[in-house]
Amino acid sequence: MLLATVPTRAEAPLKRSRAVQELICEAGAALDRLDVAQAREFWGAAYDIERSNVAMCNLGQL
């Protein structure tokens, strides 16, 4: 039996606000300094502004 399939496309990444993008950059800089606590705070602030899976996953890892 043949099933017709619709090709799936990857969803376009969400546009982040400038504030969230700055927090993500700060989190990356904090991790470069090995300041995990500060990086977690930045990711938490980013998650409070825009609830995303990426932010949630990074919070969980940190």
PDB file of N, CA and C in Angstrom:
ATOM      1  N   MET A   1       0.842  -1.183   0.000  1.00  0.00           N
ATOM      2  CA  MET A   1       0.000   0.000   0.000  1.00  0.00           C
ATOM      3  C   MET A   1       0.884   1.242   0.000  1.00  0.00           C
ATOM      4  N   LEU A   2       0.614   2.140  -0.876  1.00  0.00           N
ATOM      5  CA  LEU A   2       1.389   3.376  -0.961  1.00  0.00           C
ATOM      6  C   LEU A   2       0.679   4.485  -0.213  1.00  0.00           C
ATOM      7  N   LEU A   3       1.450   5.196   0.545  1.00  0.00           N
ATOM      8  CA  LEU A   3       0.894   6.324   1.269  1.00  0.00           C
ATOM      9  C   LEU A   3       1.468   7.609   0.692  1.00  0.00           C
ATOM     10  N   ALA A   4       0.592   8.542   0.438  1.00  0.00           N
ATOM     11  CA  ALA A   4       1.061   9.842  -0.047  1.00  0.00           C
ATOM     12  C   ALA A   4       1.604  10.616   1.144  1.00  0.00           C
ATOM     13  N   THR A   5       2.797  11.105   1.000  1.00  0.00           N
ATOM     14  CA  THR A   5       3.379  11.885   2.085  1.00  0.00           C
ATOM     15  C   THR A   5       3.621  13.307   1.618  1.00  0.00           C
ATOM     16  N   VAL A   6       3.474  14.183   2.525  1.00  0.00           N
ATOM     17  CA  VAL A   6       3.732  15.588   2.253  1.00  0.00           C
ATOM     18  C   VAL A   6       5.136  15.887   2.755  1.00  0.00           C
ATOM     19  N   PRO A   7       5.975  16.437   1.906  1.00  0.00           N
ATOM     20  CA  PRO A   7       7.318  16.751   2.385  1.00  0.00           C
ATOM     21  C   PRO A   7       7.241  17.746   3.544  1.00  0.00           C
ATOM     22  N   THR A   8       8.001  17.460   4.566  1.00  0.00           N
ATOM     23  CA  THR A   8       7.986  18.359   5.717  1.00  0.00           C
ATOM     24  C   THR A   8       9.155  19.317   5.629  1.00  0.00           C
ATOM     25  N   ARG A   9       8.930  20.476   6.089  1.00  0.00           N
ATOM     26  CA  ARG A   9       9.962  21.502   6.110  1.00  0.00           C
ATOM     27  C   ARG A   9      10.300  21.818   7.555  1.00  0.00           C
ATOM     28  N   ALA A  10      11.523  22.144   7.776  1.00  0.00           N
ATOM     29  CA  ALA A  10      11.899  22.612   9.106  1.00  0.00           C
ATOM     30  C   ALA A  10      11.269  23.986   9.317  1.00  0.00           C
ATOM     31  N   GLU A  11      10.815  24.211  10.528  1.00  0.00           N
ATOM     32  CA  GLU A  11      10.219  25.507  10.816  1.00  0.00           C
ATOM     33  C   GLU A  11      11.307  26.571  10.872  1.00  0.00           C
ATOM     34  N   ALA A  12      10.957  27.735  10.416  1.00  0.00           N
ATOM     35  CA  ALA A  12      11.910  28.846  10.468  1.00  0.00           C
ATOM     36  C   ALA A  12      12.167  29.218  11.925  1.00  0.00           C
ATOM     37  N   PRO A  13      13.406  29.542  12.256  1.00  0.00           N
ATOM     38  CA  PRO A  13      13.678  29.925  13.638  1.00  0.00           C
ATOM     39  C   PRO A  13      12.916  31.191  13.998  1.00  0.00           C
ATOM     40  N   LEU A  14      12.521  31.261  15.240  1.00  0.00           N
ATOM     41  CA  LEU A  14      11.779  32.425  15.694  1.00  0.00           C
ATOM     42  C   LEU A  14      12.703  33.633  15.762  1.00  0.00           C
ATOM     43  N   LYS A  15      12.132  34.771  15.464  1.00  0.00           N
ATOM     44  CA  LYS A  15      12.886  36.019  15.585  1.00  0.00           C
ATOM     45  C   LYS A  15      12.917  36.381  17.065  1.00  0.00           C
ATOM     46  N   ARG A  16      14.111  36.595  17.570  1.00  0.00           N
ATOM     47  CA  ARG A  16      14.249  36.959  18.972  1.00  0.00           C
ATOM     48  C   ARG A  16      14.272  38.479  19.100  1.00  0.00           C
ATOM     49  N   SER A  17      13.730  38.948  20.224  1.00  0.00           N
ATOM     50  CA  SER A  17      13.800  40.383  20.477  1.00  0.00           C
ATOM     51  C   SER A  17      15.242  40.768  20.786  1.00  0.00           C
ATOM     52  N   ARG A  18      15.520  42.017  20.653  1.00  0.00           N
ATOM     53  CA  ARG A  18      16.874  42.503  20.915  1.00  0.00           C
ATOM     54  C   ARG A  18      17.280  42.226  22.361  1.00  0.00           C
ATOM     55  N   ALA A  19      16.352  42.409  23.293  1.00  0.00           N
ATOM     56  CA  ALA A  19      16.654  42.183  24.716  1.00  0.00           C
ATOM     57  C   ALA A  19      17.045  40.731  24.962  1.00  0.00           C
ATOM     58  N   VAL A  20      16.308  39.812  24.363  1.00  0.00           N
ATOM     59  CA  VAL A  20      16.603  38.390  24.549  1.00  0.00           C
ATOM     60  C   VAL A  20      17.926  38.038  23.893  1.00  0.00           C
ATOM     61  N   GLN A  21      18.180  38.574  22.711  1.00  0.00           N
ATOM     62  CA  GLN A  21      19.446  38.296  22.036  1.00  0.00           C
ATOM     63  C   GLN A  21      20.627  38.787  22.861  1.00  0.00           C
ATOM     64  N   GLU A  22      20.489  39.946  23.481  1.00  0.00           N
ATOM     65  CA  GLU A  22      21.564  40.472  24.334  1.00  0.00           C
ATOM     66  C   GLU A  22      21.779  39.581  25.560  1.00  0.00           C
ATOM     67  N   LEU A  23      20.695  39.089  26.150  1.00  0.00           N
ATOM     68  CA  LEU A  23      20.814  38.195  27.308  1.00  0.00           C
ATOM     69  C   LEU A  23      21.517  36.894  26.922  1.00  0.00           C
ATOM     70  N   ILE A  24      21.204  36.381  25.743  1.00  0.00           N
ATOM     71  CA  ILE A  24      21.841  35.150  25.278  1.00  0.00           C
ATOM     72  C   ILE A  24      23.338  35.376  25.057  1.00  0.00           C
ATOM     73  N   CYS A  25      23.681  36.524  24.500  1.00  0.00           N
ATOM     74  CA  CYS A  25      25.106  36.844  24.312  1.00  0.00           C
ATOM     75  C   CYS A  25      25.816  36.973  25.655  1.00  0.00           C
ATOM     76  N   GLU A  26      25.162  37.601  26.620  1.00  0.00           N
ATOM     77  CA  GLU A  26      25.742  37.729  27.954  1.00  0.00           C
ATOM     78  C   GLU A  26      25.898  36.361  28.623  1.00  0.00           C
ATOM     79  N   ALA A  27      24.937  35.494  28.399  1.00  0.00           N
ATOM     80  CA  ALA A  27      25.028  34.138  28.957  1.00  0.00           C
ATOM     81  C   ALA A  27      26.221  33.404  28.356  1.00  0.00           C
ATOM     82  N   GLY A  28      26.429  33.562  27.076  1.00  0.00           N
ATOM     83  CA  GLY A  28      27.574  32.942  26.426  1.00  0.00           C
ATOM     84  C   GLY A  28      28.885  33.478  26.966  1.00  0.00           C
ATOM     85  N   ALA A  29      28.943  34.788  27.188  1.00  0.00           N
ATOM     86  CA  ALA A  29      30.155  35.401  27.739  1.00  0.00           C
ATOM     87  C   ALA A  29      30.391  34.904  29.164  1.00  0.00           C
ATOM     88  N   ALA A  30      29.327  34.753  29.938  1.00  0.00           N
ATOM     89  CA  ALA A  30      29.465  34.251  31.307  1.00  0.00           C
ATOM     90  C   ALA A  30      29.999  32.818  31.293  1.00  0.00           C
ATOM     91  N   LEU A  31      29.531  32.014  30.367  1.00  0.00           N
ATOM     92  CA  LEU A  31      30.031  30.643  30.277  1.00  0.00           C
ATOM     93  C   LEU A  31      31.495  30.621  29.850  1.00  0.00           C
ATOM     94  N   ASP A  32      31.894  31.557  28.998  1.00  0.00           N
ATOM     95  CA  ASP A  32      33.300  31.657  28.608  1.00  0.00           C
ATOM     96  C   ASP A  32      34.175  31.949  29.823  1.00  0.00           C
ATOM     97  N   ARG A  33      33.613  32.699  30.791  1.00  0.00           N
ATOM     98  CA  ARG A  33      34.339  33.012  32.029  1.00  0.00           C
ATOM     99  C   ARG A  33      34.165  31.909  33.081  1.00  0.00           C
ATOM    100  N   LEU A  34      33.425  30.847  32.705  1.00  0.00           N
ATOM    101  CA  LEU A  34      33.103  29.733  33.612  1.00  0.00           C
ATOM    102  C   LEU A  34      32.243  30.176  34.793  1.00  0.00           C
ATOM    103  N   ASP A  35      31.440  31.211  34.578  1.00  0.00           N
ATOM    104  CA  ASP A  35      30.508  31.695  35.598  1.00  0.00           C
ATOM    105  C   ASP A  35      29.129  31.112  35.304  1.00  0.00           C
ATOM    106  N   VAL A  36      28.944  29.879  35.735  1.00  0.00           N
ATOM    107  CA  VAL A  36      27.719  29.143  35.418  1.00  0.00           C
ATOM    108  C   VAL A  36      26.493  29.780  36.071  1.00  0.00           C
ATOM    109  N   ALA A  37      26.647  30.248  37.297  1.00  0.00           N
ATOM    110  CA  ALA A  37      25.512  30.858  38.001  1.00  0.00           C
ATOM    111  C   ALA A  37      25.009  32.096  37.260  1.00  0.00           C
ATOM    112  N   GLN A  38      25.931  32.919  36.804  1.00  0.00           N
ATOM    113  CA  GLN A  38      25.540  34.128  36.074  1.00  0.00           C
ATOM    114  C   GLN A  38      24.893  33.765  34.736  1.00  0.00           C
ATOM    115  N   ALA A  39      25.447  32.775  34.054  1.00  0.00           N
ATOM    116  CA  ALA A  39      24.874  32.342  32.778  1.00  0.00           C
ATOM    117  C   ALA A  39      23.447  31.846  32.981  1.00  0.00           C
ATOM    118  N   ARG A  40      23.220  31.108  34.068  1.00  0.00           N
ATOM    119  CA  ARG A  40      21.864  30.617  34.352  1.00  0.00           C
ATOM    120  C   ARG A  40      20.899  31.766  34.607  1.00  0.00           C
ATOM    121  N   GLU A  41      21.379  32.809  35.286  1.00  0.00           N
ATOM    122  CA  GLU A  41      20.525  33.973  35.526  1.00  0.00           C
ATOM    123  C   GLU A  41      20.151  34.656  34.214  1.00  0.00           C
ATOM    124  N   PHE A  42      21.120  34.783  33.310  1.00  0.00           N
ATOM    125  CA  PHE A  42      20.826  35.397  32.012  1.00  0.00           C
ATOM    126  C   PHE A  42      19.814  34.558  31.233  1.00  0.00           C
ATOM    127  N   TRP A  43      19.994  33.228  31.222  1.00  0.00           N
ATOM    128  CA  TRP A  43      19.040  32.378  30.511  1.00  0.00           C
ATOM    129  C   TRP A  43      17.662  32.438  31.169  1.00  0.00           C
ATOM    130  N   GLY A  44      17.635  32.537  32.490  1.00  0.00           N
ATOM    131  CA  GLY A  44      16.352  32.670  33.198  1.00  0.00           C
ATOM    132  C   GLY A  44      15.642  33.958  32.820  1.00  0.00           C
ATOM    133  N   ALA A  45      16.400  35.029  32.727  1.00  0.00           N
ATOM    134  CA  ALA A  45      15.811  36.309  32.326  1.00  0.00           C
ATOM    135  C   ALA A  45      15.300  36.237  30.890  1.00  0.00           C
ATOM    136  N   ALA A  46      16.058  35.591  30.016  1.00  0.00           N
ATOM    137  CA  ALA A  46      15.621  35.434  28.623  1.00  0.00           C
ATOM    138  C   ALA A  46      14.336  34.611  28.567  1.00  0.00           C
ATOM    139  N   TYR A  47      14.268  33.560  29.397  1.00  0.00           N
ATOM    140  CA  TYR A  47      13.069  32.711  29.412  1.00  0.00           C
ATOM    141  C   TYR A  47      11.855  33.482  29.937  1.00  0.00           C
ATOM    142  N   ASP A  48      12.083  34.364  30.911  1.00  0.00           N
ATOM    143  CA  ASP A  48      10.972  35.164  31.437  1.00  0.00           C
ATOM    144  C   ASP A  48      10.391  36.089  30.377  1.00  0.00           C
ATOM    145  N   ILE A  49      11.240  36.575  29.476  1.00  0.00           N
ATOM    146  CA  ILE A  49      10.773  37.478  28.424  1.00  0.00           C
ATOM    147  C   ILE A  49      10.104  36.696  27.295  1.00  0.00           C
ATOM    148  N   GLU A  50      10.791  35.679  26.796  1.00  0.00           N
ATOM    149  CA  GLU A  50      10.266  34.865  25.686  1.00  0.00           C
ATOM    150  C   GLU A  50      10.429  33.399  26.039  1.00  0.00           C
ATOM    151  N   ARG A  51       9.361  32.759  26.358  1.00  0.00           N
ATOM    152  CA  ARG A  51       9.402  31.345  26.748  1.00  0.00           C
ATOM    153  C   ARG A  51       9.687  30.493  25.515  1.00  0.00           C
ATOM    154  N   SER A  52      10.901  29.949  25.484  1.00  0.00           N
ATOM    155  CA  SER A  52      11.296  29.130  24.342  1.00  0.00           C
ATOM    156  C   SER A  52      11.899  27.825  24.838  1.00  0.00           C
ATOM    157  N   ASN A  53      11.863  26.830  23.973  1.00  0.00           N
ATOM    158  CA  ASN A  53      12.471  25.543  24.316  1.00  0.00           C
ATOM    159  C   ASN A  53      13.977  25.658  24.479  1.00  0.00           C
ATOM    160  N   VAL A  54      14.597  26.510  23.679  1.00  0.00           N
ATOM    161  CA  VAL A  54      16.043  26.694  23.760  1.00  0.00           C
ATOM    162  C   VAL A  54      16.425  27.224  25.135  1.00  0.00           C
ATOM    163  N   ALA A  55      15.704  28.229  25.602  1.00  0.00           N
ATOM    164  CA  ALA A  55      16.005  28.791  26.922  1.00  0.00           C
ATOM    165  C   ALA A  55      15.757  27.760  28.021  1.00  0.00           C
ATOM    166  N   MET A  56      14.662  27.033  27.904  1.00  0.00           N
ATOM    167  CA  MET A  56      14.344  26.027  28.908  1.00  0.00           C
ATOM    168  C   MET A  56      15.417  24.931  28.950  1.00  0.00           C
ATOM    169  N   CYS A  57      15.872  24.497  27.795  1.00  0.00           N
ATOM    170  CA  CYS A  57      16.910  23.459  27.744  1.00  0.00           C
ATOM    171  C   CYS A  57      18.214  23.958  28.351  1.00  0.00           C
ATOM    172  N   ASN A  58      18.576  25.204  28.048  1.00  0.00           N
ATOM    173  CA  ASN A  58      19.806  25.744  28.627  1.00  0.00           C
ATOM    174  C   ASN A  58      19.683  25.904  30.131  1.00  0.00           C
ATOM    175  N   LEU A  59      18.527  26.317  30.611  1.00  0.00           N
ATOM    176  CA  LEU A  59      18.328  26.389  32.059  1.00  0.00           C
ATOM    177  C   LEU A  59      18.482  25.020  32.698  1.00  0.00           C
ATOM    178  N   GLY A  60      17.930  24.018  32.081  1.00  0.00           N
ATOM    179  CA  GLY A  60      18.036  22.661  32.604  1.00  0.00           C
ATOM    180  C   GLY A  60      19.466  22.157  32.627  1.00  0.00           C
ATOM    181  N   GLN A  61      20.229  22.515  31.614  1.00  0.00           N
ATOM    182  CA  GLN A  61      21.629  22.064  31.564  1.00  0.00           C
ATOM    183  C   GLN A  61      22.480  22.796  32.594  1.00  0.00           C
ATOM    184  N   LEU A  62      22.154  24.038  32.857  1.00  0.00           N
ATOM    185  CA  LEU A  62      22.957  24.813  33.791  1.00  0.00           C
ATOM    186  C   LEU A  62      22.511  24.573  35.218  1.00  0.00           C
TER     187      LEU A  62
END
